[in-house]
Amino acid sequence: MNLDQPIFELPICDICNKPVEYMDGRNDINFDARIFKVKCHGEVQEVALSAMTMIDFEVTVCRAFVRERLK
């Protein structure tokens, strides 16, 4: 077992294109969901994934703080 590698990948910040500074997850029993919180550049973003979503779909870590861009 390689202890130098993280257990999971951190999302990439869409603003600086680097891994976010902080990430945590907690269970919300009221909504049967897992709440993920990321922080970067002094901003905080949360996303909730229902238990059904995590069972039915393959969940992958991707990008945080994605802003809509004009084309």
PDB file of N, CA and C in Angstrom:
ATOM      1  N   MET A   1       0.834  -1.182   0.000  1.00  0.00           N
ATOM      2  CA  MET A   1       0.000   0.000   0.000  1.00  0.00           C
ATOM      3  C   MET A   1       0.874   1.239   0.000  1.00  0.00           C
ATOM      4  N   ASN A   2       0.629   2.150  -0.936  1.00  0.00           N
ATOM      5  CA  ASN A   2       1.412   3.370  -1.059  1.00  0.00           C
ATOM      6  C   ASN A   2       0.750   4.481  -0.242  1.00  0.00           C
ATOM      7  N   LEU A   3       1.373   4.895   0.831  1.00  0.00           N
ATOM      8  CA  LEU A   3       0.801   5.922   1.701  1.00  0.00           C
ATOM      9  C   LEU A   3       1.033   7.333   1.178  1.00  0.00           C
ATOM     10  N   ASP A   4       1.832   7.483   0.104  1.00  0.00           N
ATOM     11  CA  ASP A   4       2.087   8.802  -0.459  1.00  0.00           C
ATOM     12  C   ASP A   4       0.947   9.290  -1.337  1.00  0.00           C
ATOM     13  N   GLN A   5       0.110   8.379  -1.822  1.00  0.00           N
ATOM     14  CA  GLN A   5      -0.993   8.770  -2.689  1.00  0.00           C
ATOM     15  C   GLN A   5      -2.249   9.004  -1.862  1.00  0.00           C
ATOM     16  N   PRO A   6      -3.011  10.054  -2.210  1.00  0.00           N
ATOM     17  CA  PRO A   6      -4.257  10.307  -1.470  1.00  0.00           C
ATOM     18  C   PRO A   6      -5.283   9.210  -1.716  1.00  0.00           C
ATOM     19  N   ILE A   7      -6.225   9.070  -0.793  1.00  0.00           N
ATOM     20  CA  ILE A   7      -7.273   8.066  -0.917  1.00  0.00           C
ATOM     21  C   ILE A   7      -8.221   8.427  -2.051  1.00  0.00           C
ATOM     22  N   PHE A   8      -8.444   9.719  -2.262  1.00  0.00           N
ATOM     23  CA  PHE A   8      -9.324  10.181  -3.332  1.00  0.00           C
ATOM     24  C   PHE A   8      -8.729  11.442  -3.939  1.00  0.00           C
ATOM     25  N   GLU A   9      -9.170  11.761  -5.131  1.00  0.00           N
ATOM     26  CA  GLU A   9      -8.710  12.972  -5.793  1.00  0.00           C
ATOM     27  C   GLU A   9      -9.539  14.162  -5.348  1.00  0.00           C
ATOM     28  N   LEU A  10      -8.895  15.300  -5.211  1.00  0.00           N
ATOM     29  CA  LEU A  10      -9.609  16.536  -4.926  1.00  0.00           C
ATOM     30  C   LEU A  10     -10.124  17.111  -6.237  1.00  0.00           C
ATOM     31  N   PRO A  11     -11.273  17.781  -6.198  1.00  0.00           N
ATOM     32  CA  PRO A  11     -11.751  18.449  -7.408  1.00  0.00           C
ATOM     33  C   PRO A  11     -10.766  19.543  -7.829  1.00  0.00           C
ATOM     34  N   ILE A  12     -10.758  19.841  -9.107  1.00  0.00           N
ATOM     35  CA  ILE A  12      -9.916  20.909  -9.634  1.00  0.00           C
ATOM     36  C   ILE A  12     -10.723  22.211  -9.619  1.00  0.00           C
ATOM     37  N   CYS A  13     -10.109  23.265  -9.103  1.00  0.00           N
ATOM     38  CA  CYS A  13     -10.746  24.585  -9.074  1.00  0.00           C
ATOM     39  C   CYS A  13     -10.743  25.142 -10.495  1.00  0.00           C
ATOM     40  N   ASP A  14     -11.903  25.563 -10.981  1.00  0.00           N
ATOM     41  CA  ASP A  14     -12.012  26.088 -12.336  1.00  0.00           C
ATOM     42  C   ASP A  14     -11.392  27.478 -12.453  1.00  0.00           C
ATOM     43  N   ILE A  15     -11.144  28.132 -11.331  1.00  0.00           N
ATOM     44  CA  ILE A  15     -10.568  29.478 -11.353  1.00  0.00           C
ATOM     45  C   ILE A  15      -9.044  29.421 -11.501  1.00  0.00           C
ATOM     46  N   CYS A  16      -8.386  28.592 -10.669  1.00  0.00           N
ATOM     47  CA  CYS A  16      -6.916  28.538 -10.696  1.00  0.00           C
ATOM     48  C   CYS A  16      -6.366  27.282 -11.374  1.00  0.00           C
ATOM     49  N   ASN A  17      -7.249  26.357 -11.717  1.00  0.00           N
ATOM     50  CA  ASN A  17      -6.869  25.114 -12.399  1.00  0.00           C
ATOM     51  C   ASN A  17      -5.925  24.246 -11.549  1.00  0.00           C
ATOM     52  N   LYS A  18      -6.084  24.332 -10.217  1.00  0.00           N
ATOM     53  CA  LYS A  18      -5.317  23.512  -9.277  1.00  0.00           C
ATOM     54  C   LYS A  18      -6.311  22.798  -8.367  1.00  0.00           C
ATOM     55  N   PRO A  19      -5.870  21.749  -7.663  1.00  0.00           N
ATOM     56  CA  PRO A  19      -6.783  21.112  -6.697  1.00  0.00           C
ATOM     57  C   PRO A  19      -7.270  22.119  -5.655  1.00  0.00           C
ATOM     58  N   VAL A  20      -8.523  21.969  -5.221  1.00  0.00           N
ATOM     59  CA  VAL A  20      -9.072  22.878  -4.214  1.00  0.00           C
ATOM     60  C   VAL A  20      -8.258  22.802  -2.929  1.00  0.00           C
ATOM     61  N   GLU A  21      -8.326  23.853  -2.129  1.00  0.00           N
ATOM     62  CA  GLU A  21      -7.547  23.931  -0.893  1.00  0.00           C
ATOM     63  C   GLU A  21      -8.070  22.979   0.184  1.00  0.00           C
ATOM     64  N   TYR A  22      -9.391  22.733   0.184  1.00  0.00           N
ATOM     65  CA  TYR A  22     -10.000  21.962   1.271  1.00  0.00           C
ATOM     66  C   TYR A  22     -11.253  21.279   0.742  1.00  0.00           C
ATOM     67  N   MET A  23     -11.495  20.067   1.216  1.00  0.00           N
ATOM     68  CA  MET A  23     -12.730  19.367   0.881  1.00  0.00           C
ATOM     69  C   MET A  23     -13.133  18.494   2.054  1.00  0.00           C
ATOM     70  N   ASP A  24     -14.435  18.473   2.355  1.00  0.00           N
ATOM     71  CA  ASP A  24     -14.929  17.527   3.350  1.00  0.00           C
ATOM     72  C   ASP A  24     -16.301  17.028   2.915  1.00  0.00           C
ATOM     73  N   GLY A  25     -16.743  16.005   3.562  1.00  0.00           N
ATOM     74  CA  GLY A  25     -18.057  15.428   3.272  1.00  0.00           C
ATOM     75  C   GLY A  25     -18.734  15.033   4.569  1.00  0.00           C
ATOM     76  N   ARG A  26     -20.048  15.189   4.594  1.00  0.00           N
ATOM     77  CA  ARG A  26     -20.801  14.783   5.776  1.00  0.00           C
ATOM     78  C   ARG A  26     -22.132  14.208   5.319  1.00  0.00           C
ATOM     79  N   ASN A  27     -22.686  13.356   6.138  1.00  0.00           N
ATOM     80  CA  ASN A  27     -23.986  12.768   5.847  1.00  0.00           C
ATOM     81  C   ASN A  27     -25.088  13.674   6.368  1.00  0.00           C
ATOM     82  N   ASP A  28     -26.161  13.800   5.589  1.00  0.00           N
ATOM     83  CA  ASP A  28     -27.341  14.549   6.001  1.00  0.00           C
ATOM     84  C   ASP A  28     -28.493  13.559   6.062  1.00  0.00           C
ATOM     85  N   ILE A  29     -28.811  13.110   7.269  1.00  0.00           N
ATOM     86  CA  ILE A  29     -29.841  12.078   7.406  1.00  0.00           C
ATOM     87  C   ILE A  29     -31.229  12.608   7.094  1.00  0.00           C
ATOM     88  N   ASN A  30     -31.437  13.916   7.170  1.00  0.00           N
ATOM     89  CA  ASN A  30     -32.747  14.488   6.860  1.00  0.00           C
ATOM     90  C   ASN A  30     -33.100  14.327   5.380  1.00  0.00           C
ATOM     91  N   PHE A  31     -32.087  14.380   4.517  1.00  0.00           N
ATOM     92  CA  PHE A  31     -32.320  14.288   3.076  1.00  0.00           C
ATOM     93  C   PHE A  31     -31.733  13.025   2.467  1.00  0.00           C
ATOM     94  N   ASP A  32     -31.232  12.112   3.303  1.00  0.00           N
ATOM     95  CA  ASP A  32     -30.606  10.876   2.827  1.00  0.00           C
ATOM     96  C   ASP A  32     -29.586  11.196   1.736  1.00  0.00           C
ATOM     97  N   ALA A  33     -28.659  12.093   2.084  1.00  0.00           N
ATOM     98  CA  ALA A  33     -27.684  12.564   1.109  1.00  0.00           C
ATOM     99  C   ALA A  33     -26.315  12.721   1.760  1.00  0.00           C
ATOM    100  N   ARG A  34     -25.323  12.847   0.920  1.00  0.00           N
ATOM    101  CA  ARG A  34     -23.967  13.160   1.350  1.00  0.00           C
ATOM    102  C   ARG A  34     -23.677  14.562   0.837  1.00  0.00           C
ATOM    103  N   ILE A  35     -23.279  15.465   1.738  1.00  0.00           N
ATOM    104  CA  ILE A  35     -22.985  16.850   1.395  1.00  0.00           C
ATOM    105  C   ILE A  35     -21.468  17.000   1.287  1.00  0.00           C
ATOM    106  N   PHE A  36     -21.011  17.458   0.132  1.00  0.00           N
ATOM    107  CA  PHE A  36     -19.585  17.702  -0.078  1.00  0.00           C
ATOM    108  C   PHE A  36     -19.357  19.207  -0.121  1.00  0.00           C
ATOM    109  N   LYS A  37     -18.330  19.674   0.616  1.00  0.00           N
ATOM    110  CA  LYS A  37     -18.001  21.093   0.677  1.00  0.00           C
ATOM    111  C   LYS A  37     -16.550  21.273   0.243  1.00  0.00           C
ATOM    112  N   VAL A  38     -16.328  22.219  -0.672  1.00  0.00           N
ATOM    113  CA  VAL A  38     -14.966  22.553  -1.096  1.00  0.00           C
ATOM    114  C   VAL A  38     -14.726  24.033  -0.841  1.00  0.00           C
ATOM    115  N   LYS A  39     -13.450  24.362  -0.591  1.00  0.00           N
ATOM    116  CA  LYS A  39     -13.053  25.755  -0.378  1.00  0.00           C
ATOM    117  C   LYS A  39     -11.825  26.039  -1.227  1.00  0.00           C
ATOM    118  N   CYS A  40     -11.831  27.222  -1.850  1.00  0.00           N
ATOM    119  CA  CYS A  40     -10.671  27.693  -2.601  1.00  0.00           C
ATOM    120  C   CYS A  40     -10.871  29.178  -2.841  1.00  0.00           C
ATOM    121  N   HIS A  41      -9.821  29.974  -2.757  1.00  0.00           N
ATOM    122  CA  HIS A  41      -9.875  31.416  -2.984  1.00  0.00           C
ATOM    123  C   HIS A  41     -10.843  32.124  -2.032  1.00  0.00           C
ATOM    124  N   GLY A  42     -11.047  31.578  -0.860  1.00  0.00           N
ATOM    125  CA  GLY A  42     -11.964  32.187   0.095  1.00  0.00           C
ATOM    126  C   GLY A  42     -13.428  31.929  -0.205  1.00  0.00           C
ATOM    127  N   GLU A  43     -13.718  31.191  -1.252  1.00  0.00           N
ATOM    128  CA  GLU A  43     -15.093  30.844  -1.605  1.00  0.00           C
ATOM    129  C   GLU A  43     -15.393  29.429  -1.124  1.00  0.00           C
ATOM    130  N   VAL A  44     -16.672  29.171  -0.880  1.00  0.00           N
ATOM    131  CA  VAL A  44     -17.134  27.857  -0.448  1.00  0.00           C
ATOM    132  C   VAL A  44     -18.230  27.403  -1.406  1.00  0.00           C
ATOM    133  N   GLN A  45     -18.185  26.136  -1.773  1.00  0.00           N
ATOM    134  CA  GLN A  45     -19.230  25.564  -2.623  1.00  0.00           C
ATOM    135  C   GLN A  45     -19.636  24.229  -2.024  1.00  0.00           C
ATOM    136  N   GLU A  46     -20.946  23.989  -1.987  1.00  0.00           N
ATOM    137  CA  GLU A  46     -21.463  22.715  -1.488  1.00  0.00           C
ATOM    138  C   GLU A  46     -22.312  22.059  -2.561  1.00  0.00           C
ATOM    139  N   VAL A  47     -22.262  20.742  -2.567  1.00  0.00           N
ATOM    140  CA  VAL A  47     -23.117  19.963  -3.458  1.00  0.00           C
ATOM    141  C   VAL A  47     -23.632  18.776  -2.667  1.00  0.00           C
ATOM    142  N   ALA A  48     -24.900  18.443  -2.891  1.00  0.00           N
ATOM    143  CA  ALA A  48     -25.522  17.308  -2.200  1.00  0.00           C
ATOM    144  C   ALA A  48     -25.776  16.197  -3.206  1.00  0.00           C
ATOM    145  N   LEU A  49     -25.356  15.010  -2.860  1.00  0.00           N
ATOM    146  CA  LEU A  49     -25.627  13.831  -3.683  1.00  0.00           C
ATOM    147  C   LEU A  49     -26.506  12.896  -2.875  1.00  0.00           C
ATOM    148  N   SER A  50     -27.667  12.596  -3.428  1.00  0.00           N
ATOM    149  CA  SER A  50     -28.581  11.697  -2.722  1.00  0.00           C
ATOM    150  C   SER A  50     -28.005  10.289  -2.705  1.00  0.00           C
ATOM    151  N   ALA A  51     -28.453   9.510  -1.755  1.00  0.00           N
ATOM    152  CA  ALA A  51     -28.000   8.118  -1.665  1.00  0.00           C
ATOM    153  C   ALA A  51     -28.346   7.367  -2.942  1.00  0.00           C
ATOM    154  N   MET A  52     -29.513   7.648  -3.519  1.00  0.00           N
ATOM    155  CA  MET A  52     -29.921   6.978  -4.763  1.00  0.00           C
ATOM    156  C   MET A  52     -28.998   7.338  -5.916  1.00  0.00           C
ATOM    157  N   THR A  53     -28.571   8.591  -5.987  1.00  0.00           N
ATOM    158  CA  THR A  53     -27.645   9.016  -7.036  1.00  0.00           C
ATOM    159  C   THR A  53     -26.334   8.260  -6.913  1.00  0.00           C
ATOM    160  N   MET A  54     -25.840   8.141  -5.688  1.00  0.00           N
ATOM    161  CA  MET A  54     -24.552   7.477  -5.493  1.00  0.00           C
ATOM    162  C   MET A  54     -24.653   5.973  -5.724  1.00  0.00           C
ATOM    163  N   ILE A  55     -25.830   5.398  -5.578  1.00  0.00           N
ATOM    164  CA  ILE A  55     -26.010   3.971  -5.836  1.00  0.00           C
ATOM    165  C   ILE A  55     -26.184   3.720  -7.326  1.00  0.00           C
ATOM    166  N   ASP A  56     -27.011   4.535  -7.977  1.00  0.00           N
ATOM    167  CA  ASP A  56     -27.382   4.296  -9.373  1.00  0.00           C
ATOM    168  C   ASP A  56     -26.357   4.751 -10.397  1.00  0.00           C
ATOM    169  N   PHE A  57     -25.512   5.711 -10.065  1.00  0.00           N
ATOM    170  CA  PHE A  57     -24.585   6.291 -11.033  1.00  0.00           C
ATOM    171  C   PHE A  57     -23.159   6.212 -10.520  1.00  0.00           C
ATOM    172  N   GLU A  58     -22.228   6.155 -11.460  1.00  0.00           N
ATOM    173  CA  GLU A  58     -20.821   6.229 -11.094  1.00  0.00           C
ATOM    174  C   GLU A  58     -20.491   7.696 -10.864  1.00  0.00           C
ATOM    175  N   VAL A  59     -20.079   8.041  -9.668  1.00  0.00           N
ATOM    176  CA  VAL A  59     -19.790   9.429  -9.309  1.00  0.00           C
ATOM    177  C   VAL A  59     -18.300   9.648  -9.444  1.00  0.00           C
ATOM    178  N   THR A  60     -17.931  10.687 -10.199  1.00  0.00           N
ATOM    179  CA  THR A  60     -16.519  11.021 -10.363  1.00  0.00           C
ATOM    180  C   THR A  60     -16.280  12.453  -9.902  1.00  0.00           C
ATOM    181  N   VAL A  61     -15.101  12.687  -9.406  1.00  0.00           N
ATOM    182  CA  VAL A  61     -14.696  14.022  -8.976  1.00  0.00           C
ATOM    183  C   VAL A  61     -14.216  14.769 -10.212  1.00  0.00           C
ATOM    184  N   CYS A  62     -14.671  16.001 -10.373  1.00  0.00           N
ATOM    185  CA  CYS A  62     -14.236  16.742 -11.554  1.00  0.00           C
ATOM    186  C   CYS A  62     -13.822  18.163 -11.172  1.00  0.00           C
ATOM    187  N   ARG A  63     -14.648  19.166 -11.471  1.00  0.00           N
ATOM    188  CA  ARG A  63     -14.259  20.549 -11.259  1.00  0.00           C
ATOM    189  C   ARG A  63     -15.202  21.257 -10.287  1.00  0.00           C
ATOM    190  N   ALA A  64     -14.649  22.228  -9.575  1.00  0.00           N
ATOM    191  CA  ALA A  64     -15.423  23.050  -8.643  1.00  0.00           C
ATOM    192  C   ALA A  64     -15.362  24.498  -9.108  1.00  0.00           C
ATOM    193  N   PHE A  65     -16.332  25.287  -8.685  1.00  0.00           N
ATOM    194  CA  PHE A  65     -16.406  26.717  -8.992  1.00  0.00           C
ATOM    195  C   PHE A  65     -16.471  26.983 -10.494  1.00  0.00           C
ATOM    196  N   VAL A  66     -17.186  26.142 -11.200  1.00  0.00           N
ATOM    197  CA  VAL A  66     -17.339  26.316 -12.646  1.00  0.00           C
ATOM    198  C   VAL A  66     -18.329  27.448 -12.895  1.00  0.00           C
ATOM    199  N   ARG A  67     -17.906  28.414 -13.649  1.00  0.00           N
ATOM    200  CA  ARG A  67     -18.745  29.550 -14.015  1.00  0.00           C
ATOM    201  C   ARG A  67     -19.154  29.400 -15.473  1.00  0.00           C
ATOM    202  N   GLU A  68     -20.357  29.858 -15.761  1.00  0.00           N
ATOM    203  CA  GLU A  68     -20.796  29.849 -17.147  1.00  0.00           C
ATOM    204  C   GLU A  68     -19.950  30.839 -17.926  1.00  0.00           C
ATOM    205  N   ARG A  69     -19.519  30.432 -19.096  1.00  0.00           N
ATOM    206  CA  ARG A  69     -18.673  31.296 -19.901  1.00  0.00           C
ATOM    207  C   ARG A  69     -19.405  31.706 -21.163  1.00  0.00           C
ATOM    208  N   LEU A  70     -19.172  32.941 -21.566  1.00  0.00           N
ATOM    209  CA  LEU A  70     -19.729  33.403 -22.833  1.00  0.00           C
ATOM    210  C   LEU A  70     -18.935  32.790 -23.979  1.00  0.00           C
ATOM    211  N   LYS A  71     -19.642  32.437 -25.021  1.00  0.00           N
ATOM    212  CA  LYS A  71     -18.953  31.823 -26.168  1.00  0.00           C
ATOM    213  C   LYS A  71     -18.686  32.853 -27.230  1.00  0.00           C
TER     214      LYS A  71
END
